[in-house]
Amino acid sequence: FVDGAWLQRHRDGVVVADARWYLDGSSGRGAYDSGHI
């Protein structure tokens, strides 16, 4: 686990991955398109 401050410091050196997914079938891609890091 890392916190937001760690990610902000190291963002240029990591791949940030949005892995949103929903058991009810809602669209993770739609959530990503609505706003992501």
PDB file of all heavy atoms in Angstrom:
ATOM      1  N   PHE A   1       0.847  -1.188   0.000  1.00  0.00           N
ATOM      2  CA  PHE A   1       0.000   0.000   0.000  1.00  0.00           C
ATOM      3  C   PHE A   1       0.885   1.241   0.000  1.00  0.00           C
ATOM      4  O   PHE A   1       1.889   1.283   0.720  1.00  0.00           O
ATOM      5  CB  PHE A   1      -0.896   0.048   1.245  1.00  0.00           C
ATOM      6  CG  PHE A   1      -1.936  -1.040   1.317  1.00  0.00           C
ATOM      7  CD1 PHE A   1      -1.614  -2.301   1.802  1.00  0.00           C
ATOM      8  CD2 PHE A   1      -3.239  -0.812   0.901  1.00  0.00           C
ATOM      9  CE1 PHE A   1      -2.556  -3.313   1.863  1.00  0.00           C
ATOM     10  CE2 PHE A   1      -4.196  -1.816   0.966  1.00  0.00           C
ATOM     11  CZ  PHE A   1      -3.856  -3.072   1.443  1.00  0.00           C
ATOM     12  N   VAL A   2       0.511   2.242  -0.794  1.00  0.00           N
ATOM     13  CA  VAL A   2       1.151   3.554  -0.747  1.00  0.00           C
ATOM     14  C   VAL A   2       0.051   4.610  -0.670  1.00  0.00           C
ATOM     15  O   VAL A   2      -1.089   4.361  -1.076  1.00  0.00           O
ATOM     16  CB  VAL A   2       2.054   3.811  -1.965  1.00  0.00           C
ATOM     17  CG1 VAL A   2       3.202   2.806  -2.012  1.00  0.00           C
ATOM     18  CG2 VAL A   2       1.263   3.777  -3.268  1.00  0.00           C
ATOM     19  N   ASP A   3       0.395   5.772  -0.152  1.00  0.00           N
ATOM     20  CA  ASP A   3      -0.619   6.818  -0.026  1.00  0.00           C
ATOM     21  C   ASP A   3      -0.531   7.808  -1.183  1.00  0.00           C
ATOM     22  O   ASP A   3       0.354   7.729  -2.043  1.00  0.00           O
ATOM     23  CB  ASP A   3      -0.517   7.522   1.329  1.00  0.00           C
ATOM     24  CG  ASP A   3       0.827   8.213   1.556  1.00  0.00           C
ATOM     25  OD1 ASP A   3       1.546   8.498   0.581  1.00  0.00           O
ATOM     26  OD2 ASP A   3       1.142   8.483   2.741  1.00  0.00           O
ATOM     27  N   GLY A   4      -1.465   8.747  -1.185  1.00  0.00           N
ATOM     28  CA  GLY A   4      -1.528   9.703  -2.272  1.00  0.00           C
ATOM     29  C   GLY A   4      -0.295  10.572  -2.381  1.00  0.00           C
ATOM     30  O   GLY A   4       0.141  10.920  -3.488  1.00  0.00           O
ATOM     31  N   ALA A   5       0.281  10.943  -1.245  1.00  0.00           N
ATOM     32  CA  ALA A   5       1.489  11.771  -1.274  1.00  0.00           C
ATOM     33  C   ALA A   5       2.641  11.010  -1.918  1.00  0.00           C
ATOM     34  O   ALA A   5       3.436  11.579  -2.686  1.00  0.00           O
ATOM     35  CB  ALA A   5       1.852  12.202   0.146  1.00  0.00           C
ATOM     36  N   TRP A   6       2.760   9.714  -1.598  1.00  0.00           N
ATOM     37  CA  TRP A   6       3.815   8.888  -2.219  1.00  0.00           C
ATOM     38  C   TRP A   6       3.630   8.858  -3.732  1.00  0.00           C
ATOM     39  O   TRP A   6       4.581   9.037  -4.497  1.00  0.00           O
ATOM     40  CB  TRP A   6       3.760   7.476  -1.650  1.00  0.00           C
ATOM     41  CG  TRP A   6       4.916   6.592  -2.046  1.00  0.00           C
ATOM     42  CD1 TRP A   6       6.019   6.303  -1.309  1.00  0.00           C
ATOM     43  CD2 TRP A   6       5.060   5.856  -3.277  1.00  0.00           C
ATOM     44  NE1 TRP A   6       6.858   5.440  -2.000  1.00  0.00           N
ATOM     45  CE2 TRP A   6       6.284   5.158  -3.216  1.00  0.00           C
ATOM     46  CE3 TRP A   6       4.273   5.731  -4.431  1.00  0.00           C
ATOM     47  CZ2 TRP A   6       6.757   4.352  -4.252  1.00  0.00           C
ATOM     48  CZ3 TRP A   6       4.740   4.933  -5.474  1.00  0.00           C
ATOM     49  CH2 TRP A   6       5.961   4.247  -5.378  1.00  0.00           C
ATOM     50  N   LEU A   7       2.391   8.645  -4.161  1.00  0.00           N
ATOM     51  CA  LEU A   7       2.131   8.581  -5.602  1.00  0.00           C
ATOM     52  C   LEU A   7       2.435   9.916  -6.266  1.00  0.00           C
ATOM     53  O   LEU A   7       3.017   9.957  -7.351  1.00  0.00           O
ATOM     54  CB  LEU A   7       0.687   8.172  -5.856  1.00  0.00           C
ATOM     55  CG  LEU A   7       0.274   8.116  -7.333  1.00  0.00           C
ATOM     56  CD1 LEU A   7       1.180   7.169  -8.117  1.00  0.00           C
ATOM     57  CD2 LEU A   7      -1.177   7.693  -7.456  1.00  0.00           C
ATOM     58  N   GLN A   8       2.065  10.993  -5.631  1.00  0.00           N
ATOM     59  CA  GLN A   8       2.333  12.312  -6.209  1.00  0.00           C
ATOM     60  C   GLN A   8       3.839  12.541  -6.373  1.00  0.00           C
ATOM     61  O   GLN A   8       4.288  13.075  -7.391  1.00  0.00           O
ATOM     62  CB  GLN A   8       1.709  13.399  -5.342  1.00  0.00           C
ATOM     63  CG  GLN A   8       1.596  14.755  -6.023  1.00  0.00           C
ATOM     64  CD  GLN A   8       0.736  15.705  -5.220  1.00  0.00           C
ATOM     65  OE1 GLN A   8       0.854  15.790  -3.997  1.00  0.00           O
ATOM     66  NE2 GLN A   8      -0.147  16.434  -5.887  1.00  0.00           N
ATOM     67  N   ARG A   9       4.628  12.095  -5.396  1.00  0.00           N
ATOM     68  CA  ARG A   9       6.085  12.273  -5.480  1.00  0.00           C
ATOM     69  C   ARG A   9       6.700  11.418  -6.583  1.00  0.00           C
ATOM     70  O   ARG A   9       7.686  11.798  -7.199  1.00  0.00           O
ATOM     71  CB  ARG A   9       6.745  11.901  -4.147  1.00  0.00           C
ATOM     72  CG  ARG A   9       6.484  12.847  -3.007  1.00  0.00           C
ATOM     73  CD  ARG A   9       7.464  12.623  -1.862  1.00  0.00           C
ATOM     74  NE  ARG A   9       7.496  11.242  -1.400  1.00  0.00           N
ATOM     75  CZ  ARG A   9       6.697  10.743  -0.460  1.00  0.00           C
ATOM     76  NH1 ARG A   9       5.774  11.527   0.089  1.00  0.00           N
ATOM     77  NH2 ARG A   9       6.797   9.486  -0.077  1.00  0.00           N
ATOM     78  N   HIS A  10       6.128  10.223  -6.812  1.00  0.00           N
ATOM     79  CA  HIS A  10       6.756   9.265  -7.710  1.00  0.00           C
ATOM     80  C   HIS A  10       5.999   9.062  -9.015  1.00  0.00           C
ATOM     81  O   HIS A  10       6.340   8.163  -9.784  1.00  0.00           O
ATOM     82  CB  HIS A  10       6.875   7.905  -7.004  1.00  0.00           C
ATOM     83  CG  HIS A  10       7.752   7.912  -5.795  1.00  0.00           C
ATOM     84  ND1 HIS A  10       7.261   8.132  -4.527  1.00  0.00           N
ATOM     85  CD2 HIS A  10       9.086   7.736  -5.644  1.00  0.00           C
ATOM     86  CE1 HIS A  10       8.250   8.069  -3.653  1.00  0.00           C
ATOM     87  NE2 HIS A  10       9.363   7.833  -4.307  1.00  0.00           N
ATOM     88  N   ARG A  11       5.017   9.896  -9.292  1.00  0.00           N
ATOM     89  CA  ARG A  11       4.126   9.626 -10.413  1.00  0.00           C
ATOM     90  C   ARG A  11       4.865   9.463 -11.737  1.00  0.00           C
ATOM     91  O   ARG A  11       4.502   8.630 -12.564  1.00  0.00           O
ATOM     92  CB  ARG A  11       3.081  10.740 -10.539  1.00  0.00           C
ATOM     93  CG  ARG A  11       2.007  10.425 -11.564  1.00  0.00           C
ATOM     94  CD  ARG A  11       0.976  11.508 -11.670  1.00  0.00           C
ATOM     95  NE  ARG A  11       1.569  12.779 -12.098  1.00  0.00           N
ATOM     96  CZ  ARG A  11       0.864  13.849 -12.434  1.00  0.00           C
ATOM     97  NH1 ARG A  11      -0.453  13.814 -12.348  1.00  0.00           N
ATOM     98  NH2 ARG A  11       1.445  14.949 -12.810  1.00  0.00           N
ATOM     99  N   ASP A  12       5.930  10.245 -11.938  1.00  0.00           N
ATOM    100  CA  ASP A  12       6.644  10.163 -13.216  1.00  0.00           C
ATOM    101  C   ASP A  12       7.405   8.850 -13.381  1.00  0.00           C
ATOM    102  O   ASP A  12       7.825   8.516 -14.489  1.00  0.00           O
ATOM    103  CB  ASP A  12       7.621  11.337 -13.354  1.00  0.00           C
ATOM    104  CG  ASP A  12       6.902  12.669 -13.519  1.00  0.00           C
ATOM    105  OD1 ASP A  12       5.703  12.651 -13.862  1.00  0.00           O
ATOM    106  OD2 ASP A  12       7.536  13.716 -13.307  1.00  0.00           O
ATOM    107  N   GLY A  13       7.574   8.099 -12.295  1.00  0.00           N
ATOM    108  CA  GLY A  13       8.334   6.864 -12.372  1.00  0.00           C
ATOM    109  C   GLY A  13       7.499   5.606 -12.263  1.00  0.00           C
ATOM    110  O   GLY A  13       8.057   4.505 -12.192  1.00  0.00           O
ATOM    111  N   VAL A  14       6.172   5.747 -12.242  1.00  0.00           N
ATOM    112  CA  VAL A  14       5.307   4.568 -12.100  1.00  0.00           C
ATOM    113  C   VAL A  14       4.244   4.570 -13.184  1.00  0.00           C
ATOM    114  O   VAL A  14       3.953   5.603 -13.805  1.00  0.00           O
ATOM    115  CB  VAL A  14       4.612   4.533 -10.707  1.00  0.00           C
ATOM    116  CG1 VAL A  14       5.632   4.605  -9.589  1.00  0.00           C
ATOM    117  CG2 VAL A  14       3.585   5.651 -10.581  1.00  0.00           C
ATOM    118  N   VAL A  15       3.674   3.399 -13.408  1.00  0.00           N
ATOM    119  CA  VAL A  15       2.473   3.283 -14.230  1.00  0.00           C
ATOM    120  C   VAL A  15       1.286   3.290 -13.280  1.00  0.00           C
ATOM    121  O   VAL A  15       1.185   2.443 -12.385  1.00  0.00           O
ATOM    122  CB  VAL A  15       2.473   1.979 -15.053  1.00  0.00           C
ATOM    123  CG1 VAL A  15       1.171   1.870 -15.851  1.00  0.00           C
ATOM    124  CG2 VAL A  15       3.677   1.924 -15.984  1.00  0.00           C
ATOM    125  N   VAL A  16       0.414   4.266 -13.439  1.00  0.00           N
ATOM    126  CA  VAL A  16      -0.781   4.360 -12.611  1.00  0.00           C
ATOM    127  C   VAL A  16      -1.908   3.623 -13.331  1.00  0.00           C
ATOM    128  O   VAL A  16      -2.168   3.870 -14.515  1.00  0.00           O
ATOM    129  CB  VAL A  16      -1.176   5.826 -12.353  1.00  0.00           C
ATOM    130  CG1 VAL A  16      -2.370   5.889 -11.396  1.00  0.00           C
ATOM    131  CG2 VAL A  16      -0.002   6.611 -11.782  1.00  0.00           C
ATOM    132  N   ALA A  17      -2.548   2.700 -12.623  1.00  0.00           N
ATOM    133  CA  ALA A  17      -3.539   1.822 -13.245  1.00  0.00           C
ATOM    134  C   ALA A  17      -4.898   1.996 -12.589  1.00  0.00           C
ATOM    135  O   ALA A  17      -5.041   1.799 -11.376  1.00  0.00           O
ATOM    136  CB  ALA A  17      -3.090   0.366 -13.140  1.00  0.00           C
ATOM    137  N   ASP A  18      -5.880   2.370 -13.368  1.00  0.00           N
ATOM    138  CA  ASP A  18      -7.268   2.490 -12.912  1.00  0.00           C
ATOM    139  C   ASP A  18      -7.939   1.150 -13.149  1.00  0.00           C
ATOM    140  O   ASP A  18      -8.128   0.729 -14.291  1.00  0.00           O
ATOM    141  CB  ASP A  18      -7.961   3.605 -13.701  1.00  0.00           C
ATOM    142  CG  ASP A  18      -9.361   3.914 -13.210  1.00  0.00           C
ATOM    143  OD1 ASP A  18     -10.136   2.967 -12.994  1.00  0.00           O
ATOM    144  OD2 ASP A  18      -9.696   5.105 -13.069  1.00  0.00           O
ATOM    145  N   ALA A  19      -8.290   0.449 -12.077  1.00  0.00           N
ATOM    146  CA  ALA A  19      -8.837  -0.908 -12.186  1.00  0.00           C
ATOM    147  C   ALA A  19     -10.281  -0.969 -11.707  1.00  0.00           C
ATOM    148  O   ALA A  19     -10.718  -1.983 -11.150  1.00  0.00           O
ATOM    149  CB  ALA A  19      -7.971  -1.880 -11.397  1.00  0.00           C
ATOM    150  N   ARG A  20     -11.048   0.073 -11.941  1.00  0.00           N
ATOM    151  CA  ARG A  20     -12.435   0.052 -11.496  1.00  0.00           C
ATOM    152  C   ARG A  20     -13.252  -0.998 -12.261  1.00  0.00           C
ATOM    153  O   ARG A  20     -13.121  -1.157 -13.464  1.00  0.00           O
ATOM    154  CB  ARG A  20     -13.055   1.448 -11.643  1.00  0.00           C
ATOM    155  CG  ARG A  20     -12.618   2.372 -10.523  1.00  0.00           C
ATOM    156  CD  ARG A  20     -13.191   3.765 -10.663  1.00  0.00           C
ATOM    157  NE  ARG A  20     -12.421   4.583 -11.596  1.00  0.00           N
ATOM    158  CZ  ARG A  20     -12.660   5.864 -11.830  1.00  0.00           C
ATOM    159  NH1 ARG A  20     -13.666   6.479 -11.196  1.00  0.00           N
ATOM    160  NH2 ARG A  20     -11.904   6.550 -12.675  1.00  0.00           N
ATOM    161  N   TRP A  21     -14.068  -1.706 -11.498  1.00  0.00           N
ATOM    162  CA  TRP A  21     -14.901  -2.807 -12.015  1.00  0.00           C
ATOM    163  C   TRP A  21     -16.027  -3.012 -11.017  1.00  0.00           C
ATOM    164  O   TRP A  21     -15.840  -2.819  -9.817  1.00  0.00           O
ATOM    165  CB  TRP A  21     -14.050  -4.077 -12.132  1.00  0.00           C
ATOM    166  CG  TRP A  21     -14.751  -5.310 -12.595  1.00  0.00           C
ATOM    167  CD1 TRP A  21     -14.936  -5.716 -13.888  1.00  0.00           C
ATOM    168  CD2 TRP A  21     -15.337  -6.339 -11.774  1.00  0.00           C
ATOM    169  NE1 TRP A  21     -15.598  -6.930 -13.919  1.00  0.00           N
ATOM    170  CE2 TRP A  21     -15.847  -7.333 -12.633  1.00  0.00           C
ATOM    171  CE3 TRP A  21     -15.460  -6.515 -10.390  1.00  0.00           C
ATOM    172  CZ2 TRP A  21     -16.475  -8.481 -12.154  1.00  0.00           C
ATOM    173  CZ3 TRP A  21     -16.089  -7.655  -9.925  1.00  0.00           C
ATOM    174  CH2 TRP A  21     -16.593  -8.627 -10.802  1.00  0.00           C
ATOM    175  N   TYR A  22     -17.202  -3.395 -11.521  1.00  0.00           N
ATOM    176  CA  TYR A  22     -18.379  -3.470 -10.659  1.00  0.00           C
ATOM    177  C   TYR A  22     -19.109  -4.794 -10.860  1.00  0.00           C
ATOM    178  O   TYR A  22     -19.370  -5.210 -11.996  1.00  0.00           O
ATOM    179  CB  TYR A  22     -19.317  -2.299 -10.961  1.00  0.00           C
ATOM    180  CG  TYR A  22     -18.623  -0.956 -10.851  1.00  0.00           C
ATOM    181  CD1 TYR A  22     -18.181  -0.302 -11.998  1.00  0.00           C
ATOM    182  CD2 TYR A  22     -18.368  -0.390  -9.604  1.00  0.00           C
ATOM    183  CE1 TYR A  22     -17.519   0.920 -11.903  1.00  0.00           C
ATOM    184  CE2 TYR A  22     -17.705   0.826  -9.511  1.00  0.00           C
ATOM    185  CZ  TYR A  22     -17.283   1.471 -10.655  1.00  0.00           C
ATOM    186  OH  TYR A  22     -16.605   2.667 -10.557  1.00  0.00           O
ATOM    187  N   LEU A  23     -19.433  -5.423  -9.742  1.00  0.00           N
ATOM    188  CA  LEU A  23     -20.115  -6.712  -9.783  1.00  0.00           C
ATOM    189  C   LEU A  23     -21.485  -6.605 -10.439  1.00  0.00           C
ATOM    190  O   LEU A  23     -21.961  -7.566 -11.042  1.00  0.00           O
ATOM    191  CB  LEU A  23     -20.254  -7.265  -8.357  1.00  0.00           C
ATOM    192  CG  LEU A  23     -20.818  -8.672  -8.204  1.00  0.00           C
ATOM    193  CD1 LEU A  23     -19.923  -9.694  -8.905  1.00  0.00           C
ATOM    194  CD2 LEU A  23     -20.958  -9.032  -6.723  1.00  0.00           C
ATOM    195  N   ASP A  24     -22.111  -5.425 -10.361  1.00  0.00           N
ATOM    196  CA  ASP A  24     -23.455  -5.270 -10.937  1.00  0.00           C
ATOM    197  C   ASP A  24     -23.430  -5.014 -12.440  1.00  0.00           C
ATOM    198  O   ASP A  24     -24.472  -4.796 -13.058  1.00  0.00           O
ATOM    199  CB  ASP A  24     -24.227  -4.161 -10.223  1.00  0.00           C
ATOM    200  CG  ASP A  24     -23.624  -2.770 -10.434  1.00  0.00           C
ATOM    201  OD1 ASP A  24     -22.635  -2.636 -11.180  1.00  0.00           O
ATOM    202  OD2 ASP A  24     -24.148  -1.808  -9.832  1.00  0.00           O
ATOM    203  N   GLY A  25     -22.244  -5.024 -13.030  1.00  0.00           N
ATOM    204  CA  GLY A  25     -22.142  -4.838 -14.470  1.00  0.00           C
ATOM    205  C   GLY A  25     -21.967  -3.407 -14.918  1.00  0.00           C
ATOM    206  O   GLY A  25     -21.857  -3.135 -16.125  1.00  0.00           O
ATOM    207  N   SER A  26     -21.955  -2.457 -13.988  1.00  0.00           N
ATOM    208  CA  SER A  26     -21.698  -1.069 -14.356  1.00  0.00           C
ATOM    209  C   SER A  26     -20.332  -0.961 -15.034  1.00  0.00           C
ATOM    210  O   SER A  26     -19.442  -1.788 -14.812  1.00  0.00           O
ATOM    211  CB  SER A  26     -21.736  -0.167 -13.118  1.00  0.00           C
ATOM    212  OG  SER A  26     -23.013  -0.190 -12.517  1.00  0.00           O
ATOM    213  N   SER A  27     -20.169   0.064 -15.841  1.00  0.00           N
ATOM    214  CA  SER A  27     -18.972   0.183 -16.665  1.00  0.00           C
ATOM    215  C   SER A  27     -17.804   0.819 -15.920  1.00  0.00           C
ATOM    216  O   SER A  27     -17.863   1.991 -15.547  1.00  0.00           O
ATOM    217  CB  SER A  27     -19.282   1.019 -17.912  1.00  0.00           C
ATOM    218  OG  SER A  27     -18.100   1.286 -18.640  1.00  0.00           O
ATOM    219  N   GLY A  28     -16.745   0.043 -15.731  1.00  0.00           N
ATOM    220  CA  GLY A  28     -15.521   0.603 -15.192  1.00  0.00           C
ATOM    221  C   GLY A  28     -14.905   1.598 -16.149  1.00  0.00           C
ATOM    222  O   GLY A  28     -14.371   2.631 -15.739  1.00  0.00           O
ATOM    223  N   ARG A  29     -14.991   1.295 -17.440  1.00  0.00           N
ATOM    224  CA  ARG A  29     -14.450   2.217 -18.434  1.00  0.00           C
ATOM    225  C   ARG A  29     -15.211   3.541 -18.418  1.00  0.00           C
ATOM    226  O   ARG A  29     -14.615   4.612 -18.567  1.00  0.00           O
ATOM    227  CB  ARG A  29     -14.538   1.584 -19.833  1.00  0.00           C
ATOM    228  CG  ARG A  29     -14.009   2.490 -20.939  1.00  0.00           C
ATOM    229  CD  ARG A  29     -12.510   2.622 -20.863  1.00  0.00           C
ATOM    230  NE  ARG A  29     -12.011   3.820 -21.511  1.00  0.00           N
ATOM    231  CZ  ARG A  29     -10.799   3.887 -22.081  1.00  0.00           C
ATOM    232  NH1 ARG A  29     -10.011   2.833 -22.101  1.00  0.00           N
ATOM    233  NH2 ARG A  29     -10.409   5.011 -22.626  1.00  0.00           N
ATOM    234  N   GLY A  30     -16.506   3.477 -18.220  1.00  0.00           N
ATOM    235  CA  GLY A  30     -17.288   4.703 -18.131  1.00  0.00           C
ATOM    236  C   GLY A  30     -16.869   5.555 -16.946  1.00  0.00           C
ATOM    237  O   GLY A  30     -16.788   6.786 -17.053  1.00  0.00           O
ATOM    238  N   ALA A  31     -16.602   4.897 -15.804  1.00  0.00           N
ATOM    239  CA  ALA A  31     -16.132   5.628 -14.635  1.00  0.00           C
ATOM    240  C   ALA A  31     -14.784   6.276 -14.915  1.00  0.00           C
ATOM    241  O   ALA A  31     -14.536   7.429 -14.541  1.00  0.00           O
ATOM    242  CB  ALA A  31     -16.044   4.683 -13.434  1.00  0.00           C
ATOM    243  N   TYR A  32     -13.909   5.543 -15.582  1.00  0.00           N
ATOM    244  CA  TYR A  32     -12.592   6.076 -15.953  1.00  0.00           C
ATOM    245  C   TYR A  32     -12.740   7.301 -16.852  1.00  0.00           C
ATOM    246  O   TYR A  32     -12.093   8.334 -16.636  1.00  0.00           O
ATOM    247  CB  TYR A  32     -11.804   4.979 -16.657  1.00  0.00           C
ATOM    248  CG  TYR A  32     -10.506   5.427 -17.292  1.00  0.00           C
ATOM    249  CD1 TYR A  32      -9.323   5.477 -16.552  1.00  0.00           C
ATOM    250  CD2 TYR A  32     -10.456   5.771 -18.643  1.00  0.00           C
ATOM    251  CE1 TYR A  32      -8.130   5.867 -17.136  1.00  0.00           C
ATOM    252  CE2 TYR A  32      -9.268   6.160 -19.239  1.00  0.00           C
ATOM    253  CZ  TYR A  32      -8.104   6.212 -18.489  1.00  0.00           C
ATOM    254  OH  TYR A  32      -6.927   6.601 -19.071  1.00  0.00           O
ATOM    255  N   ASP A  33     -13.589   7.202 -17.851  1.00  0.00           N
ATOM    256  CA  ASP A  33     -13.766   8.310 -18.791  1.00  0.00           C
ATOM    257  C   ASP A  33     -14.345   9.542 -18.111  1.00  0.00           C
ATOM    258  O   ASP A  33     -14.119  10.676 -18.568  1.00  0.00           O
ATOM    259  CB  ASP A  33     -14.678   7.886 -19.943  1.00  0.00           C
ATOM    260  CG  ASP A  33     -14.019   6.872 -20.872  1.00  0.00           C
ATOM    261  OD1 ASP A  33     -12.772   6.787 -20.877  1.00  0.00           O
ATOM    262  OD2 ASP A  33     -14.759   6.150 -21.582  1.00  0.00           O
ATOM    263  N   SER A  34     -15.077   9.340 -17.025  1.00  0.00           N
ATOM    264  CA  SER A  34     -15.685  10.462 -16.306  1.00  0.00           C
ATOM    265  C   SER A  34     -14.679  11.198 -15.425  1.00  0.00           C
ATOM    266  O   SER A  34     -14.969  12.290 -14.940  1.00  0.00           O
ATOM    267  CB  SER A  34     -16.856   9.971 -15.453  1.00  0.00           C
ATOM    268  OG  SER A  34     -17.888   9.460 -16.270  1.00  0.00           O
ATOM    269  N   GLY A  35     -13.523  10.617 -15.201  1.00  0.00           N
ATOM    270  CA  GLY A  35     -12.493  11.258 -14.390  1.00  0.00           C
ATOM    271  C   GLY A  35     -11.552  10.243 -13.803  1.00  0.00           C
ATOM    272  O   GLY A  35     -11.992   9.305 -13.133  1.00  0.00           O
ATOM    273  N   HIS A  36     -10.267  10.410 -14.072  1.00  0.00           N
ATOM    274  CA  HIS A  36      -9.251   9.481 -13.576  1.00  0.00           C
ATOM    275  C   HIS A  36      -8.008  10.250 -13.170  1.00  0.00           C
ATOM    276  O   HIS A  36      -7.847  11.441 -13.514  1.00  0.00           O
ATOM    277  CB  HIS A  36      -8.907   8.432 -14.635  1.00  0.00           C
ATOM    278  CG  HIS A  36      -8.491   9.019 -15.963  1.00  0.00           C
ATOM    279  ND1 HIS A  36      -7.232   9.492 -16.220  1.00  0.00           N
ATOM    280  CD2 HIS A  36      -9.200   9.218 -17.104  1.00  0.00           C
ATOM    281  CE1 HIS A  36      -7.152   9.953 -17.447  1.00  0.00           C
ATOM    282  NE2 HIS A  36      -8.347   9.803 -18.015  1.00  0.00           N
ATOM    283  N   ILE A  37      -7.147   9.604 -12.427  1.00  0.00           N
ATOM    284  CA  ILE A  37      -5.885  10.232 -12.046  1.00  0.00           C
ATOM    285  C   ILE A  37      -5.095  10.514 -13.318  1.00  0.00           C
ATOM    286  O   ILE A  37      -5.029   9.669 -14.212  1.00  0.00           O
ATOM    287  CB  ILE A  37      -5.107   9.313 -11.088  1.00  0.00           C
ATOM    288  CG1 ILE A  37      -5.851   9.213  -9.743  1.00  0.00           C
ATOM    289  CG2 ILE A  37      -3.685   9.822 -10.862  1.00  0.00           C
ATOM    290  CD1 ILE A  37      -5.233   8.240  -8.770  1.00  0.00           C
TER     291      ILE A  37
END
